[in-house]
Amino acid sequence: MLGQLVSPNRWYWAVITAFVVFISTNSRGELLVRAWQRTAGTVLGVVAGILVAAQITGNTLAEIAMILVCVFLGFYFAGYSYAVMTFFITTLLGALYGMLGTFNVAVLEARLWETAVGAAAGALAAVFVLPTRTRSLVRDNIQDFLLSLRDFLRGTGTEISELGTANGLQESMRELDDGLQRVINSAKPLTSYRLRSLRSQVHRSVAMLSGCAYYVRNLAVALSATADMVDDDTRNRLSELLWALADAVESMTDEAQVSFEAAMTSAHRTADALHDIAESLTDGPTSLHRSIRWLDRTAQVVEDLARELGAATPEKQPIG
């Protein structure tokens, strides 16, 4: 209705904007960011479209070249910045209308106002209709990531204990990486478009999760070689440490079975035994040493993350 009031012939631009800002958005923050980006891209695109049309109208080759360049750049930047994509699509309209001989500044002005109307409708829907708050979505995705990390650690410990190998970790790592990407995407409205003082906590949590995924990824590589070279007693201790870390990660979720402090106490005790075994080896650095190093770093970032999320309060204790 508002689009019809602005321009009876171009009302669909407002409808398209209101629809597009909802596509692939899972929270209020994502929707508001997309509405803002489309409006900003349209404002700059209207200015560029007017300037482009004034310079190349009547030059068919230049108009065709500009249209092709705008199409290419619009789709090229679609995955990087929605605002930049909107800018090039709006600029393209100026060149296209000039080529068709129907260019009119009022047309681009109507697009600007229709876009603003559609973006405003999307923003109102985000505030009053869309029920998912950005922070709630981030918390849910963080919990899903932690549960995937728990399953990876627990499953790896079980495989080493029962089979003596650690080779079937690829699928679990893919799930972990997918979970991390969901956290990063859902946190963008809080980490990229807010003042530094307001985004610091979420930014720290995302950084810790990214570090955790990095350490676990390297741990998976080291463990595949370690499981084959060590004896049964060492394999059992590796499994116990992985299970303890899994319990510590689980304690940060709604499925907690043991306290974080109890789980980390068990992890420290088992890690000390593994360090003693590694120090008794006469050879140089082996895959066991590499595995212990990545286990230490994983445990450290788990402790840091627990304090960041409020699951643990005591002072940090170095493992090893």
C-alpha atoms as a PDB file:
ATOM      1  CA  MET A   1       0.000   0.000   0.000  1.00  0.00           C
ATOM      2  CA  LEU A   2       2.791   2.432   0.820  1.00  0.00           C
ATOM      3  CA  GLY A   3       4.542   1.509  -2.426  1.00  0.00           C
ATOM      4  CA  GLN A   4       1.347   2.278  -4.325  1.00  0.00           C
ATOM      5  CA  LEU A   5       1.205   5.712  -2.696  1.00  0.00           C
ATOM      6  CA  VAL A   6       4.801   6.476  -3.674  1.00  0.00           C
ATOM      7  CA  SER A   7       4.473   5.341  -7.298  1.00  0.00           C
ATOM      8  CA  PRO A   8       1.438   3.558  -8.778  1.00  0.00           C
ATOM      9  CA  ASN A   9       3.625   2.192 -11.604  1.00  0.00           C
ATOM     10  CA  ARG A  10       6.657   1.125  -9.545  1.00  0.00           C
ATOM     11  CA  TRP A  11       5.045  -0.211  -6.359  1.00  0.00           C
ATOM     12  CA  TYR A  12       6.552  -3.659  -6.916  1.00  0.00           C
ATOM     13  CA  TRP A  13      10.027  -2.344  -6.035  1.00  0.00           C
ATOM     14  CA  ALA A  14       8.854  -1.848  -2.451  1.00  0.00           C
ATOM     15  CA  VAL A  15       7.365  -5.349  -2.392  1.00  0.00           C
ATOM     16  CA  ILE A  16      10.551  -6.859  -3.829  1.00  0.00           C
ATOM     17  CA  THR A  17      12.679  -5.063  -1.223  1.00  0.00           C
ATOM     18  CA  ALA A  18      10.455  -6.180   1.650  1.00  0.00           C
ATOM     19  CA  PHE A  19      10.629  -9.753   0.347  1.00  0.00           C
ATOM     20  CA  VAL A  20      14.350  -9.831  -0.416  1.00  0.00           C
ATOM     21  CA  VAL A  21      15.435  -8.572   2.993  1.00  0.00           C
ATOM     22  CA  PHE A  22      13.728 -11.640   4.499  1.00  0.00           C
ATOM     23  CA  ILE A  23      15.551 -14.145   2.290  1.00  0.00           C
ATOM     24  CA  SER A  24      18.078 -16.261   4.229  1.00  0.00           C
ATOM     25  CA  THR A  25      17.701 -14.170   7.389  1.00  0.00           C
ATOM     26  CA  ASN A  26      17.346 -16.072  10.644  1.00  0.00           C
ATOM     27  CA  SER A  27      17.257 -13.261  13.173  1.00  0.00           C
ATOM     28  CA  ARG A  28      16.247  -9.653  13.675  1.00  0.00           C
ATOM     29  CA  GLY A  29      19.832  -8.474  13.408  1.00  0.00           C
ATOM     30  CA  GLU A  30      20.389 -10.137  10.036  1.00  0.00           C
ATOM     31  CA  LEU A  31      17.156  -8.672   8.666  1.00  0.00           C
ATOM     32  CA  LEU A  32      17.957  -5.149   9.867  1.00  0.00           C
ATOM     33  CA  VAL A  33      21.470  -5.342   8.417  1.00  0.00           C
ATOM     34  CA  ARG A  34      20.136  -6.485   5.062  1.00  0.00           C
ATOM     35  CA  ALA A  35      17.499  -3.721   4.991  1.00  0.00           C
ATOM     36  CA  TRP A  36      20.157  -1.127   5.766  1.00  0.00           C
ATOM     37  CA  GLN A  37      22.555  -2.508   3.130  1.00  0.00           C
ATOM     38  CA  ARG A  38      19.901  -2.507   0.402  1.00  0.00           C
ATOM     39  CA  THR A  39      18.920   1.090   1.183  1.00  0.00           C
ATOM     40  CA  ALA A  40      22.545   2.298   1.280  1.00  0.00           C
ATOM     41  CA  GLY A  41      23.383   0.490  -1.960  1.00  0.00           C
ATOM     42  CA  THR A  42      20.333   1.969  -3.650  1.00  0.00           C
ATOM     43  CA  VAL A  43      21.145   5.535  -2.547  1.00  0.00           C
ATOM     44  CA  LEU A  44      24.676   5.329  -3.953  1.00  0.00           C
ATOM     45  CA  GLY A  45      23.458   3.426  -7.011  1.00  0.00           C
ATOM     46  CA  VAL A  46      20.901   6.118  -7.853  1.00  0.00           C
ATOM     47  CA  VAL A  47      23.642   8.770  -7.813  1.00  0.00           C
ATOM     48  CA  ALA A  48      25.948   6.586  -9.917  1.00  0.00           C
ATOM     49  CA  GLY A  49      23.105   5.676 -12.302  1.00  0.00           C
ATOM     50  CA  ILE A  50      22.302   9.327 -12.957  1.00  0.00           C
ATOM     51  CA  LEU A  51      25.977  10.132 -13.601  1.00  0.00           C
ATOM     52  CA  VAL A  52      26.472   7.091 -15.854  1.00  0.00           C
ATOM     53  CA  ALA A  53      23.338   7.768 -17.879  1.00  0.00           C
ATOM     54  CA  ALA A  54      24.352  11.401 -18.382  1.00  0.00           C
ATOM     55  CA  GLN A  55      27.725  10.337 -19.776  1.00  0.00           C
ATOM     56  CA  ILE A  56      26.907   7.364 -22.028  1.00  0.00           C
ATOM     57  CA  THR A  57      23.300   7.815 -23.180  1.00  0.00           C
ATOM     58  CA  GLY A  58      23.322   7.582 -26.985  1.00  0.00           C
ATOM     59  CA  ASN A  59      26.557   5.562 -27.110  1.00  0.00           C
ATOM     60  CA  THR A  60      25.259   2.040 -27.657  1.00  0.00           C
ATOM     61  CA  LEU A  61      28.622   0.264 -27.231  1.00  0.00           C
ATOM     62  CA  ALA A  62      29.344   2.105 -23.993  1.00  0.00           C
ATOM     63  CA  GLU A  63      25.835   1.332 -22.698  1.00  0.00           C
ATOM     64  CA  ILE A  64      26.151  -2.390 -23.489  1.00  0.00           C
ATOM     65  CA  ALA A  65      29.626  -2.505 -21.937  1.00  0.00           C
ATOM     66  CA  MET A  66      28.390  -0.730 -18.778  1.00  0.00           C
ATOM     67  CA  ILE A  67      25.415  -3.105 -18.459  1.00  0.00           C
ATOM     68  CA  LEU A  68      27.659  -6.166 -18.766  1.00  0.00           C
ATOM     69  CA  VAL A  69      30.184  -4.754 -16.276  1.00  0.00           C
ATOM     70  CA  CYS A  70      27.436  -3.976 -13.750  1.00  0.00           C
ATOM     71  CA  VAL A  71      25.907  -7.458 -14.110  1.00  0.00           C
ATOM     72  CA  PHE A  72      29.299  -9.091 -13.616  1.00  0.00           C
ATOM     73  CA  LEU A  73      30.290  -6.953 -10.627  1.00  0.00           C
ATOM     74  CA  GLY A  74      26.834  -7.253  -9.054  1.00  0.00           C
ATOM     75  CA  PHE A  75      26.970 -11.050  -9.032  1.00  0.00           C
ATOM     76  CA  TYR A  76      30.693 -11.077  -8.197  1.00  0.00           C
ATOM     77  CA  PHE A  77      30.149  -9.094  -5.001  1.00  0.00           C
ATOM     78  CA  ALA A  78      26.898 -10.841  -4.068  1.00  0.00           C
ATOM     79  CA  GLY A  79      28.701 -13.164  -1.680  1.00  0.00           C
ATOM     80  CA  TYR A  80      30.804 -10.385  -0.139  1.00  0.00           C
ATOM     81  CA  SER A  81      28.518  -7.416   0.320  1.00  0.00           C
ATOM     82  CA  TYR A  82      24.806  -7.129  -0.344  1.00  0.00           C
ATOM     83  CA  ALA A  83      25.130  -3.324  -0.384  1.00  0.00           C
ATOM     84  CA  VAL A  84      27.731  -3.422  -3.169  1.00  0.00           C
ATOM     85  CA  MET A  85      25.597  -5.821  -5.207  1.00  0.00           C
ATOM     86  CA  THR A  86      22.595  -3.495  -4.844  1.00  0.00           C
ATOM     87  CA  PHE A  87      24.766  -0.544  -5.885  1.00  0.00           C
ATOM     88  CA  PHE A  88      25.758  -2.157  -9.182  1.00  0.00           C
ATOM     89  CA  ILE A  89      22.232  -3.400  -9.948  1.00  0.00           C
ATOM     90  CA  THR A  90      20.844   0.111  -9.414  1.00  0.00           C
ATOM     91  CA  THR A  91      23.622   1.618 -11.544  1.00  0.00           C
ATOM     92  CA  LEU A  92      22.749  -0.920 -14.236  1.00  0.00           C
ATOM     93  CA  LEU A  93      19.180   0.419 -14.315  1.00  0.00           C
ATOM     94  CA  GLY A  94      20.459   3.884 -15.202  1.00  0.00           C
ATOM     95  CA  ALA A  95      22.440   2.497 -18.152  1.00  0.00           C
ATOM     96  CA  LEU A  96      19.578   0.212 -19.222  1.00  0.00           C
ATOM     97  CA  TYR A  97      16.926   2.930 -19.203  1.00  0.00           C
ATOM     98  CA  GLY A  98      19.323   5.177 -21.141  1.00  0.00           C
ATOM     99  CA  MET A  99      19.816   2.441 -23.737  1.00  0.00           C
ATOM    100  CA  LEU A 100      16.036   1.990 -24.060  1.00  0.00           C
ATOM    101  CA  GLY A 101      15.565   5.748 -24.432  1.00  0.00           C
ATOM    102  CA  THR A 102      13.323   5.923 -21.370  1.00  0.00           C
ATOM    103  CA  PHE A 103      15.798   7.286 -18.814  1.00  0.00           C
ATOM    104  CA  ASN A 104      14.296   9.705 -16.357  1.00  0.00           C
ATOM    105  CA  VAL A 105      15.771  10.899 -13.081  1.00  0.00           C
ATOM    106  CA  ALA A 106      12.319  10.520 -11.547  1.00  0.00           C
ATOM    107  CA  VAL A 107      12.452   6.752 -12.220  1.00  0.00           C
ATOM    108  CA  LEU A 108      15.610   6.305 -10.129  1.00  0.00           C
ATOM    109  CA  GLU A 109      14.190   8.603  -7.465  1.00  0.00           C
ATOM    110  CA  ALA A 110      11.091   6.400  -7.361  1.00  0.00           C
ATOM    111  CA  ARG A 111      13.337   3.342  -6.940  1.00  0.00           C
ATOM    112  CA  LEU A 112      15.068   5.030  -4.015  1.00  0.00           C
ATOM    113  CA  TRP A 113      11.805   5.845  -2.236  1.00  0.00           C
ATOM    114  CA  GLU A 114      10.280   2.441  -2.991  1.00  0.00           C
ATOM    115  CA  THR A 115      13.395   0.754  -1.616  1.00  0.00           C
ATOM    116  CA  ALA A 116      13.199   2.881   1.534  1.00  0.00           C
ATOM    117  CA  VAL A 117       9.533   1.926   1.966  1.00  0.00           C
ATOM    118  CA  GLY A 118      10.298  -1.798   1.525  1.00  0.00           C
ATOM    119  CA  ALA A 119      13.285  -1.639   3.875  1.00  0.00           C
ATOM    120  CA  ALA A 120      11.197   0.182   6.491  1.00  0.00           C
ATOM    121  CA  ALA A 121       8.514  -2.507   6.209  1.00  0.00           C
ATOM    122  CA  GLY A 122      11.190  -5.166   6.708  1.00  0.00           C
ATOM    123  CA  ALA A 123      12.629  -3.326   9.718  1.00  0.00           C
ATOM    124  CA  LEU A 124       9.194  -3.018  11.339  1.00  0.00           C
ATOM    125  CA  ALA A 125       8.597  -6.718  10.755  1.00  0.00           C
ATOM    126  CA  ALA A 126      11.991  -7.495  12.312  1.00  0.00           C
ATOM    127  CA  VAL A 127      11.090  -5.575  15.457  1.00  0.00           C
ATOM    128  CA  PHE A 128       7.440  -6.531  15.899  1.00  0.00           C
ATOM    129  CA  VAL A 129       6.941  -9.813  13.995  1.00  0.00           C
ATOM    130  CA  LEU A 130      10.171 -11.828  13.661  1.00  0.00           C
ATOM    131  CA  PRO A 131      10.525 -13.578  17.034  1.00  0.00           C
ATOM    132  CA  THR A 132      14.195 -14.606  16.919  1.00  0.00           C
ATOM    133  CA  ARG A 133      16.626 -12.228  18.585  1.00  0.00           C
ATOM    134  CA  THR A 134      20.176 -12.263  17.258  1.00  0.00           C
ATOM    135  CA  ARG A 135      21.776 -13.029  20.634  1.00  0.00           C
ATOM    136  CA  SER A 136      19.379 -15.936  21.185  1.00  0.00           C
ATOM    137  CA  LEU A 137      20.296 -17.388  17.790  1.00  0.00           C
ATOM    138  CA  VAL A 138      24.015 -16.977  18.521  1.00  0.00           C
ATOM    139  CA  ARG A 139      23.618 -18.735  21.896  1.00  0.00           C
ATOM    140  CA  ASP A 140      21.740 -21.624  20.256  1.00  0.00           C
ATOM    141  CA  ASN A 141      24.386 -21.987  17.538  1.00  0.00           C
ATOM    142  CA  ILE A 142      27.191 -21.871  20.114  1.00  0.00           C
ATOM    143  CA  GLN A 143      25.490 -24.645  22.054  1.00  0.00           C
ATOM    144  CA  ASP A 144      25.123 -26.722  18.879  1.00  0.00           C
ATOM    145  CA  PHE A 145      28.830 -26.217  18.178  1.00  0.00           C
ATOM    146  CA  LEU A 146      29.741 -27.291  21.705  1.00  0.00           C
ATOM    147  CA  LEU A 147      27.607 -30.417  21.400  1.00  0.00           C
ATOM    148  CA  SER A 148      29.316 -31.254  18.090  1.00  0.00           C
ATOM    149  CA  LEU A 149      32.693 -30.724  19.769  1.00  0.00           C
ATOM    150  CA  ARG A 150      31.623 -32.977  22.649  1.00  0.00           C
ATOM    151  CA  ASP A 151      30.552 -35.701  20.211  1.00  0.00           C
ATOM    152  CA  PHE A 152      33.845 -35.405  18.341  1.00  0.00           C
ATOM    153  CA  LEU A 153      35.982 -35.707  21.497  1.00  0.00           C
ATOM    154  CA  ARG A 154      33.874 -38.493  22.987  1.00  0.00           C
ATOM    155  CA  GLY A 155      33.649 -40.425  19.737  1.00  0.00           C
ATOM    156  CA  THR A 156      37.395 -40.120  19.137  1.00  0.00           C
ATOM    157  CA  GLY A 157      38.135 -41.381  22.645  1.00  0.00           C
ATOM    158  CA  THR A 158      35.812 -44.337  22.123  1.00  0.00           C
ATOM    159  CA  GLU A 159      37.367 -45.220  18.767  1.00  0.00           C
ATOM    160  CA  ILE A 160      40.888 -45.139  20.219  1.00  0.00           C
ATOM    161  CA  SER A 161      39.826 -47.234  23.224  1.00  0.00           C
ATOM    162  CA  GLU A 162      37.851 -49.882  21.318  1.00  0.00           C
ATOM    163  CA  LEU A 163      39.566 -50.033  17.941  1.00  0.00           C
ATOM    164  CA  GLY A 164      43.029 -48.649  18.661  1.00  0.00           C
ATOM    165  CA  THR A 165      42.726 -46.220  15.732  1.00  0.00           C
ATOM    166  CA  ALA A 166      41.590 -42.667  15.081  1.00  0.00           C
ATOM    167  CA  ASN A 167      40.893 -42.656  11.363  1.00  0.00           C
ATOM    168  CA  GLY A 168      37.125 -42.061  11.101  1.00  0.00           C
ATOM    169  CA  LEU A 169      37.169 -38.395  12.124  1.00  0.00           C
ATOM    170  CA  GLN A 170      36.424 -36.672   8.808  1.00  0.00           C
ATOM    171  CA  GLU A 171      32.638 -36.612   9.134  1.00  0.00           C
ATOM    172  CA  SER A 172      32.780 -35.320  12.711  1.00  0.00           C
ATOM    173  CA  MET A 173      35.197 -32.569  11.654  1.00  0.00           C
ATOM    174  CA  ARG A 174      32.857 -31.513   8.847  1.00  0.00           C
ATOM    175  CA  GLU A 175      29.985 -31.221  11.315  1.00  0.00           C
ATOM    176  CA  LEU A 176      32.197 -29.192  13.642  1.00  0.00           C
ATOM    177  CA  ASP A 177      33.265 -26.834  10.841  1.00  0.00           C
ATOM    178  CA  ASP A 178      29.652 -26.418   9.694  1.00  0.00           C
ATOM    179  CA  GLY A 179      28.624 -25.567  13.253  1.00  0.00           C
ATOM    180  CA  LEU A 180      31.410 -22.985  13.528  1.00  0.00           C
ATOM    181  CA  GLN A 181      30.323 -21.369  10.265  1.00  0.00           C
ATOM    182  CA  ARG A 182      26.760 -21.086  11.541  1.00  0.00           C
ATOM    183  CA  VAL A 183      28.021 -19.343  14.666  1.00  0.00           C
ATOM    184  CA  ILE A 184      30.121 -16.905  12.631  1.00  0.00           C
ATOM    185  CA  ASN A 185      27.278 -16.094  10.225  1.00  0.00           C
ATOM    186  CA  SER A 186      24.692 -15.572  12.958  1.00  0.00           C
ATOM    187  CA  ALA A 187      27.090 -13.369  14.956  1.00  0.00           C
ATOM    188  CA  LYS A 188      27.928 -11.009  12.072  1.00  0.00           C
ATOM    189  CA  PRO A 189      25.237  -8.437  12.983  1.00  0.00           C
ATOM    190  CA  LEU A 190      26.823  -8.230  16.449  1.00  0.00           C
ATOM    191  CA  THR A 191      30.498  -8.402  15.465  1.00  0.00           C
ATOM    192  CA  SER A 192      30.600  -6.384  12.230  1.00  0.00           C
ATOM    193  CA  TYR A 193      27.986  -3.666  12.563  1.00  0.00           C
ATOM    194  CA  ARG A 194      28.136  -2.584  16.209  1.00  0.00           C
ATOM    195  CA  LEU A 195      30.446  -0.389  18.263  1.00  0.00           C
ATOM    196  CA  ARG A 196      33.540  -2.198  19.516  1.00  0.00           C
ATOM    197  CA  SER A 197      32.466  -1.835  23.152  1.00  0.00           C
ATOM    198  CA  LEU A 198      29.148  -3.577  22.401  1.00  0.00           C
ATOM    199  CA  ARG A 199      30.526  -6.423  20.319  1.00  0.00           C
ATOM    200  CA  SER A 200      33.610  -7.391  22.346  1.00  0.00           C
ATOM    201  CA  GLN A 201      32.061 -10.296  24.272  1.00  0.00           C
ATOM    202  CA  VAL A 202      30.520 -11.983  21.235  1.00  0.00           C
ATOM    203  CA  HIS A 203      33.688 -11.334  19.251  1.00  0.00           C
ATOM    204  CA  ARG A 204      35.816 -12.995  21.952  1.00  0.00           C
ATOM    205  CA  SER A 205      33.509 -16.024  22.077  1.00  0.00           C
ATOM    206  CA  VAL A 206      33.614 -16.451  18.291  1.00  0.00           C
ATOM    207  CA  ALA A 207      37.415 -16.113  18.306  1.00  0.00           C
ATOM    208  CA  MET A 208      37.700 -18.787  21.005  1.00  0.00           C
ATOM    209  CA  LEU A 209      35.418 -21.154  19.106  1.00  0.00           C
ATOM    210  CA  SER A 210      37.477 -20.619  15.961  1.00  0.00           C
ATOM    211  CA  GLY A 211      40.662 -21.357  17.907  1.00  0.00           C
ATOM    212  CA  CYS A 212      39.094 -24.458  19.404  1.00  0.00           C
ATOM    213  CA  ALA A 213      38.127 -25.765  15.961  1.00  0.00           C
ATOM    214  CA  TYR A 214      41.673 -25.089  14.715  1.00  0.00           C
ATOM    215  CA  TYR A 215      43.283 -26.986  17.601  1.00  0.00           C
ATOM    216  CA  VAL A 216      40.886 -29.909  17.291  1.00  0.00           C
ATOM    217  CA  ARG A 217      41.513 -30.105  13.556  1.00  0.00           C
ATOM    218  CA  ASN A 218      45.260 -30.454  14.184  1.00  0.00           C
ATOM    219  CA  LEU A 219      44.591 -32.843  17.048  1.00  0.00           C
ATOM    220  CA  ALA A 220      42.668 -35.151  14.721  1.00  0.00           C
ATOM    221  CA  VAL A 221      45.655 -35.328  12.362  1.00  0.00           C
ATOM    222  CA  ALA A 222      48.115 -36.038  15.182  1.00  0.00           C
ATOM    223  CA  LEU A 223      45.934 -38.663  16.862  1.00  0.00           C
ATOM    224  CA  SER A 224      45.574 -40.724  13.680  1.00  0.00           C
ATOM    225  CA  ALA A 225      49.325 -41.373  13.779  1.00  0.00           C
ATOM    226  CA  THR A 226      49.622 -41.592  17.565  1.00  0.00           C
ATOM    227  CA  ALA A 227      47.005 -44.305  18.021  1.00  0.00           C
ATOM    228  CA  ASP A 228      49.067 -46.674  15.874  1.00  0.00           C
ATOM    229  CA  MET A 229      52.422 -46.161  17.642  1.00  0.00           C
ATOM    230  CA  VAL A 230      51.552 -46.239  21.365  1.00  0.00           C
ATOM    231  CA  ASP A 231      50.719 -49.152  23.653  1.00  0.00           C
ATOM    232  CA  ASP A 232      47.309 -49.989  25.108  1.00  0.00           C
ATOM    233  CA  ASP A 233      47.947 -48.172  28.393  1.00  0.00           C
ATOM    234  CA  THR A 234      48.799 -44.914  26.599  1.00  0.00           C
ATOM    235  CA  ARG A 235      45.803 -45.300  24.297  1.00  0.00           C
ATOM    236  CA  ASN A 236      43.565 -45.717  27.341  1.00  0.00           C
ATOM    237  CA  ARG A 237      44.960 -42.548  28.888  1.00  0.00           C
ATOM    238  CA  LEU A 238      44.412 -40.645  25.648  1.00  0.00           C
ATOM    239  CA  SER A 239      40.827 -41.868  25.635  1.00  0.00           C
ATOM    240  CA  GLU A 240      40.329 -40.836  29.259  1.00  0.00           C
ATOM    241  CA  LEU A 241      41.624 -37.343  28.545  1.00  0.00           C
ATOM    242  CA  LEU A 242      39.372 -36.995  25.494  1.00  0.00           C
ATOM    243  CA  TRP A 243      36.361 -38.174  27.519  1.00  0.00           C
ATOM    244  CA  ALA A 244      37.177 -35.719  30.317  1.00  0.00           C
ATOM    245  CA  LEU A 245      37.436 -32.848  27.829  1.00  0.00           C
ATOM    246  CA  ALA A 246      34.139 -33.963  26.295  1.00  0.00           C
ATOM    247  CA  ASP A 247      32.506 -33.802  29.741  1.00  0.00           C
ATOM    248  CA  ALA A 248      33.997 -30.328  30.266  1.00  0.00           C
ATOM    249  CA  VAL A 249      32.572 -29.119  26.964  1.00  0.00           C
ATOM    250  CA  GLU A 250      29.198 -30.697  27.739  1.00  0.00           C
ATOM    251  CA  SER A 251      29.089 -28.889  31.095  1.00  0.00           C
ATOM    252  CA  MET A 252      28.747 -25.608  29.147  1.00  0.00           C
ATOM    253  CA  THR A 253      25.496 -26.800  27.546  1.00  0.00           C
ATOM    254  CA  ASP A 254      22.003 -27.677  28.730  1.00  0.00           C
ATOM    255  CA  GLU A 255      22.941 -31.385  28.645  1.00  0.00           C
ATOM    256  CA  ALA A 256      25.555 -31.130  31.423  1.00  0.00           C
ATOM    257  CA  GLN A 257      26.070 -34.322  33.427  1.00  0.00           C
ATOM    258  CA  VAL A 258      29.088 -33.305  35.528  1.00  0.00           C
ATOM    259  CA  SER A 259      30.443 -29.938  36.641  1.00  0.00           C
ATOM    260  CA  PHE A 260      33.128 -28.190  34.629  1.00  0.00           C
ATOM    261  CA  GLU A 261      35.538 -28.202  37.571  1.00  0.00           C
ATOM    262  CA  ALA A 262      35.183 -31.961  38.099  1.00  0.00           C
ATOM    263  CA  ALA A 263      35.718 -32.676  34.418  1.00  0.00           C
ATOM    264  CA  MET A 264      38.823 -30.473  34.205  1.00  0.00           C
ATOM    265  CA  THR A 265      40.263 -31.982  37.393  1.00  0.00           C
ATOM    266  CA  SER A 266      40.077 -35.389  35.737  1.00  0.00           C
ATOM    267  CA  ALA A 267      41.590 -33.928  32.554  1.00  0.00           C
ATOM    268  CA  HIS A 268      44.530 -32.404  34.465  1.00  0.00           C
ATOM    269  CA  ARG A 269      45.215 -35.691  36.257  1.00  0.00           C
ATOM    270  CA  THR A 270      45.243 -37.717  33.033  1.00  0.00           C
ATOM    271  CA  ALA A 271      47.263 -35.061  31.187  1.00  0.00           C
ATOM    272  CA  ASP A 272      49.961 -35.202  33.872  1.00  0.00           C
ATOM    273  CA  ALA A 273      50.256 -38.957  33.374  1.00  0.00           C
ATOM    274  CA  LEU A 274      50.547 -38.517  29.599  1.00  0.00           C
ATOM    275  CA  HIS A 275      53.264 -35.906  30.011  1.00  0.00           C
ATOM    276  CA  ASP A 276      55.199 -38.326  32.226  1.00  0.00           C
ATOM    277  CA  ILE A 277      54.936 -41.013  29.539  1.00  0.00           C
ATOM    278  CA  ALA A 278      56.072 -38.581  26.827  1.00  0.00           C
ATOM    279  CA  GLU A 279      59.064 -37.437  28.903  1.00  0.00           C
ATOM    280  CA  SER A 280      60.152 -41.035  29.414  1.00  0.00           C
ATOM    281  CA  LEU A 281      60.549 -41.598  25.667  1.00  0.00           C
ATOM    282  CA  THR A 282      64.161 -41.546  24.551  1.00  0.00           C
ATOM    283  CA  ASP A 283      63.396 -40.637  20.935  1.00  0.00           C
ATOM    284  CA  GLY A 284      62.954 -37.071  19.740  1.00  0.00           C
ATOM    285  CA  PRO A 285      59.547 -35.445  19.305  1.00  0.00           C
ATOM    286  CA  THR A 286      57.031 -38.044  18.193  1.00  0.00           C
ATOM    287  CA  SER A 287      53.368 -37.992  17.172  1.00  0.00           C
ATOM    288  CA  LEU A 288      52.543 -38.575  20.863  1.00  0.00           C
ATOM    289  CA  HIS A 289      54.287 -35.327  21.745  1.00  0.00           C
ATOM    290  CA  ARG A 290      52.331 -33.543  18.984  1.00  0.00           C
ATOM    291  CA  SER A 291      49.037 -35.026  20.193  1.00  0.00           C
ATOM    292  CA  ILE A 292      49.729 -33.963  23.779  1.00  0.00           C
ATOM    293  CA  ARG A 293      50.597 -30.450  22.622  1.00  0.00           C
ATOM    294  CA  TRP A 294      47.297 -30.098  20.730  1.00  0.00           C
ATOM    295  CA  LEU A 295      45.416 -31.631  23.666  1.00  0.00           C
ATOM    296  CA  ASP A 296      46.996 -29.042  25.968  1.00  0.00           C
ATOM    297  CA  ARG A 297      45.952 -26.208  23.687  1.00  0.00           C
ATOM    298  CA  THR A 298      42.454 -27.608  23.282  1.00  0.00           C
ATOM    299  CA  ALA A 299      42.089 -27.873  27.064  1.00  0.00           C
ATOM    300  CA  GLN A 300      43.361 -24.312  27.498  1.00  0.00           C
ATOM    301  CA  VAL A 301      40.889 -22.818  25.038  1.00  0.00           C
ATOM    302  CA  VAL A 302      38.072 -24.880  26.575  1.00  0.00           C
ATOM    303  CA  GLU A 303      38.913 -23.352  29.961  1.00  0.00           C
ATOM    304  CA  ASP A 304      39.015 -19.850  28.483  1.00  0.00           C
ATOM    305  CA  LEU A 305      35.700 -20.425  26.737  1.00  0.00           C
ATOM    306  CA  ALA A 306      34.095 -21.743  29.927  1.00  0.00           C
ATOM    307  CA  ARG A 307      35.059 -18.568  31.760  1.00  0.00           C
ATOM    308  CA  GLU A 308      33.825 -16.418  28.901  1.00  0.00           C
ATOM    309  CA  LEU A 309      30.460 -18.206  28.933  1.00  0.00           C
ATOM    310  CA  GLY A 310      30.251 -18.181  32.726  1.00  0.00           C
ATOM    311  CA  ALA A 311      30.586 -21.944  33.182  1.00  0.00           C
ATOM    312  CA  ALA A 312      33.744 -21.724  35.285  1.00  0.00           C
ATOM    313  CA  THR A 313      35.168 -19.196  37.708  1.00  0.00           C
ATOM    314  CA  PRO A 314      38.392 -20.474  39.306  1.00  0.00           C
ATOM    315  CA  GLU A 315      41.838 -19.353  38.246  1.00  0.00           C
ATOM    316  CA  LYS A 316      43.327 -21.107  35.234  1.00  0.00           C
ATOM    317  CA  GLN A 317      45.563 -24.086  35.829  1.00  0.00           C
ATOM    318  CA  PRO A 318      48.089 -24.991  33.146  1.00  0.00           C
ATOM    319  CA  ILE A 319      47.846 -28.566  31.935  1.00  0.00           C
ATOM    320  CA  GLY A 320      51.048 -30.515  32.095  1.00  0.00           C
END
